[in-house]
Amino acid sequence: MVARMIVDPPGEGGGRQVHADGALLGTAYSLHDLSVFLERAGLEGMDELDVAMSPLVEWHGGGPEVWPATD
């Protein structure tokens, strides 16, 4: 079973850190990045819409529509 993913608020560097079971999985810059993290954690076949609506993802500092602009 995949642990709940915590998506932190957007940081100054343009991404959102993602944690599961207290471990940092990486920094996401899009819903696609989150779908890759979930796939690596064992949930295959989830697209961006699935990730945005998943009860496994806990959003802090804004939901799935909040991604900082990058240059």
N, C-alpha and C. Protein backbone atom coordinates (compact mmCIF):
# COMPACT_ATOMS: atom_id res chain seq x y z
N MET A 1 0.84 -1.19 0.00
CA MET A 1 0.00 0.00 0.00
C MET A 1 0.88 1.24 0.00
N VAL A 2 0.53 2.18 -0.80
CA VAL A 2 1.27 3.44 -0.90
C VAL A 2 0.87 4.34 0.26
N ALA A 3 1.87 4.95 0.86
CA ALA A 3 1.62 5.89 1.95
C ALA A 3 1.02 7.18 1.41
N ARG A 4 0.39 7.92 2.28
CA ARG A 4 -0.13 9.23 1.90
C ARG A 4 1.03 10.13 1.51
N MET A 5 0.87 10.82 0.40
CA MET A 5 1.87 11.78 -0.05
C MET A 5 1.50 13.16 0.44
N ILE A 6 2.48 13.87 0.96
CA ILE A 6 2.30 15.24 1.40
C ILE A 6 2.98 16.14 0.37
N VAL A 7 2.22 17.07 -0.19
CA VAL A 7 2.77 18.03 -1.15
C VAL A 7 2.86 19.37 -0.44
N ASP A 8 4.08 19.84 -0.23
CA ASP A 8 4.33 21.09 0.48
C ASP A 8 3.93 22.30 -0.35
N PRO A 9 3.79 23.45 0.30
CA PRO A 9 3.51 24.68 -0.45
C PRO A 9 4.63 24.97 -1.45
N PRO A 10 4.33 25.73 -2.48
CA PRO A 10 5.37 26.08 -3.45
C PRO A 10 6.54 26.80 -2.76
N GLY A 11 7.74 26.43 -3.17
CA GLY A 11 8.94 27.04 -2.62
C GLY A 11 9.48 28.13 -3.52
N GLU A 12 10.50 28.80 -3.04
CA GLU A 12 11.10 29.89 -3.81
C GLU A 12 11.74 29.40 -5.10
N GLY A 13 12.17 28.15 -5.12
CA GLY A 13 12.83 27.61 -6.29
C GLY A 13 11.89 27.18 -7.39
N GLY A 14 10.58 27.29 -7.17
CA GLY A 14 9.63 26.98 -8.23
C GLY A 14 8.96 25.63 -8.13
N GLY A 15 9.30 24.81 -7.16
CA GLY A 15 8.67 23.50 -7.05
C GLY A 15 8.04 23.27 -5.70
N ARG A 16 7.44 22.11 -5.55
CA ARG A 16 6.79 21.71 -4.30
C ARG A 16 7.42 20.40 -3.85
N GLN A 17 7.98 20.39 -2.64
CA GLN A 17 8.57 19.16 -2.13
C GLN A 17 7.46 18.15 -1.82
N VAL A 18 7.78 16.88 -2.05
CA VAL A 18 6.82 15.79 -1.87
C VAL A 18 7.41 14.78 -0.90
N HIS A 19 6.62 14.42 0.12
CA HIS A 19 7.05 13.48 1.14
C HIS A 19 6.08 12.31 1.23
N ALA A 20 6.59 11.14 1.61
CA ALA A 20 5.76 9.98 1.92
C ALA A 20 6.43 9.24 3.07
N ASP A 21 5.67 8.90 4.07
CA ASP A 21 6.20 8.23 5.26
C ASP A 21 7.36 9.00 5.87
N GLY A 22 7.32 10.32 5.82
CA GLY A 22 8.36 11.15 6.39
C GLY A 22 9.61 11.28 5.55
N ALA A 23 9.66 10.60 4.43
CA ALA A 23 10.84 10.65 3.56
C ALA A 23 10.58 11.59 2.39
N LEU A 24 11.57 12.38 2.05
CA LEU A 24 11.47 13.27 0.90
C LEU A 24 11.60 12.44 -0.38
N LEU A 25 10.58 12.52 -1.24
CA LEU A 25 10.62 11.81 -2.51
C LEU A 25 11.25 12.65 -3.60
N GLY A 26 11.14 13.96 -3.46
CA GLY A 26 11.70 14.86 -4.46
C GLY A 26 10.89 16.13 -4.55
N THR A 27 11.19 16.91 -5.56
CA THR A 27 10.49 18.16 -5.80
C THR A 27 9.70 18.04 -7.09
N ALA A 28 8.42 18.34 -6.98
CA ALA A 28 7.52 18.27 -8.14
C ALA A 28 7.31 19.67 -8.69
N TYR A 29 7.25 19.74 -10.00
CA TYR A 29 6.99 21.00 -10.69
C TYR A 29 5.67 20.95 -11.46
N SER A 30 4.98 19.80 -11.37
CA SER A 30 3.73 19.63 -12.10
C SER A 30 3.00 18.39 -11.59
N LEU A 31 1.76 18.23 -12.00
CA LEU A 31 1.02 17.02 -11.67
C LEU A 31 1.66 15.79 -12.30
N HIS A 32 2.28 15.97 -13.45
CA HIS A 32 2.98 14.84 -14.08
C HIS A 32 4.08 14.33 -13.17
N ASP A 33 4.85 15.23 -12.57
CA ASP A 33 5.90 14.81 -11.63
C ASP A 33 5.31 13.98 -10.50
N LEU A 34 4.17 14.42 -9.96
CA LEU A 34 3.53 13.66 -8.88
C LEU A 34 3.09 12.28 -9.35
N SER A 35 2.59 12.17 -10.56
CA SER A 35 2.18 10.87 -11.08
C SER A 35 3.39 9.93 -11.18
N VAL A 36 4.55 10.49 -11.51
CA VAL A 36 5.77 9.69 -11.57
C VAL A 36 6.15 9.21 -10.17
N PHE A 37 6.06 10.09 -9.17
CA PHE A 37 6.36 9.69 -7.79
C PHE A 37 5.42 8.57 -7.33
N LEU A 38 4.13 8.68 -7.65
CA LEU A 38 3.18 7.63 -7.27
C LEU A 38 3.49 6.31 -7.98
N GLU A 39 3.88 6.41 -9.23
CA GLU A 39 4.24 5.19 -9.97
C GLU A 39 5.44 4.51 -9.34
N ARG A 40 6.43 5.28 -8.98
CA ARG A 40 7.63 4.72 -8.32
C ARG A 40 7.28 4.10 -6.97
N ALA A 41 6.22 4.61 -6.33
CA ALA A 41 5.78 4.09 -5.04
C ALA A 41 4.87 2.88 -5.20
N GLY A 42 4.55 2.50 -6.43
CA GLY A 42 3.79 1.29 -6.66
C GLY A 42 2.39 1.46 -7.23
N LEU A 43 1.94 2.69 -7.42
CA LEU A 43 0.62 2.92 -8.02
C LEU A 43 0.80 3.28 -9.49
N GLU A 44 0.69 2.29 -10.33
CA GLU A 44 0.90 2.51 -11.75
C GLU A 44 -0.39 2.89 -12.45
N GLY A 45 -0.26 3.60 -13.56
CA GLY A 45 -1.39 3.92 -14.40
C GLY A 45 -2.19 5.14 -13.97
N MET A 46 -1.64 5.94 -13.06
CA MET A 46 -2.35 7.15 -12.63
C MET A 46 -1.90 8.32 -13.49
N ASP A 47 -2.87 9.01 -14.11
CA ASP A 47 -2.52 10.20 -14.87
C ASP A 47 -2.69 11.43 -13.98
N GLU A 48 -2.50 12.60 -14.59
CA GLU A 48 -2.54 13.84 -13.82
C GLU A 48 -3.89 14.07 -13.15
N LEU A 49 -4.99 13.75 -13.82
CA LEU A 49 -6.31 13.92 -13.23
C LEU A 49 -6.50 12.98 -12.04
N ASP A 50 -6.04 11.75 -12.18
CA ASP A 50 -6.12 10.80 -11.06
C ASP A 50 -5.36 11.33 -9.85
N VAL A 51 -4.18 11.87 -10.08
CA VAL A 51 -3.36 12.41 -9.00
C VAL A 51 -4.06 13.58 -8.33
N ALA A 52 -4.62 14.48 -9.13
CA ALA A 52 -5.29 15.67 -8.59
C ALA A 52 -6.47 15.29 -7.69
N MET A 53 -7.12 14.17 -7.98
CA MET A 53 -8.31 13.78 -7.23
C MET A 53 -8.04 12.68 -6.21
N SER A 54 -6.83 12.20 -6.11
CA SER A 54 -6.51 11.06 -5.25
C SER A 54 -6.59 11.41 -3.76
N PRO A 55 -7.23 10.56 -2.97
CA PRO A 55 -7.24 10.75 -1.52
C PRO A 55 -5.88 10.45 -0.89
N LEU A 56 -4.95 9.90 -1.68
CA LEU A 56 -3.60 9.60 -1.17
C LEU A 56 -2.71 10.82 -1.14
N VAL A 57 -3.15 11.92 -1.77
CA VAL A 57 -2.33 13.13 -1.84
C VAL A 57 -2.93 14.20 -0.94
N GLU A 58 -2.11 14.69 -0.01
CA GLU A 58 -2.52 15.77 0.90
C GLU A 58 -1.80 17.04 0.47
N TRP A 59 -2.58 18.04 0.11
CA TRP A 59 -2.04 19.29 -0.43
C TRP A 59 -1.91 20.33 0.68
N HIS A 60 -0.73 20.94 0.79
CA HIS A 60 -0.49 22.02 1.74
C HIS A 60 -0.14 23.27 0.95
N GLY A 61 -0.73 24.39 1.32
CA GLY A 61 -0.40 25.66 0.66
C GLY A 61 -0.95 25.79 -0.74
N GLY A 62 -2.07 25.15 -1.00
CA GLY A 62 -2.69 25.22 -2.33
C GLY A 62 -2.88 23.82 -2.89
N GLY A 63 -3.90 23.67 -3.69
CA GLY A 63 -4.24 22.37 -4.24
C GLY A 63 -3.51 22.05 -5.52
N PRO A 64 -4.04 21.09 -6.28
CA PRO A 64 -3.37 20.62 -7.48
C PRO A 64 -3.28 21.65 -8.60
N GLU A 65 -4.00 22.76 -8.47
CA GLU A 65 -3.94 23.80 -9.49
C GLU A 65 -2.85 24.83 -9.20
N VAL A 66 -2.19 24.73 -8.05
CA VAL A 66 -1.20 25.74 -7.64
C VAL A 66 0.23 25.26 -7.94
N TRP A 67 0.77 25.81 -9.02
CA TRP A 67 2.16 25.52 -9.41
C TRP A 67 2.81 26.84 -9.75
N PRO A 68 3.93 27.16 -9.12
CA PRO A 68 4.57 28.44 -9.40
C PRO A 68 5.10 28.47 -10.83
N ALA A 69 5.07 29.64 -11.39
CA ALA A 69 5.62 29.83 -12.75
C ALA A 69 7.13 29.70 -12.69
N THR A 70 7.69 29.07 -13.69
CA THR A 70 9.15 28.96 -13.79
C THR A 70 9.61 29.74 -15.01
N ASP A 71 10.81 30.27 -14.93
CA ASP A 71 11.34 31.05 -16.06
C ASP A 71 11.98 30.16 -17.08
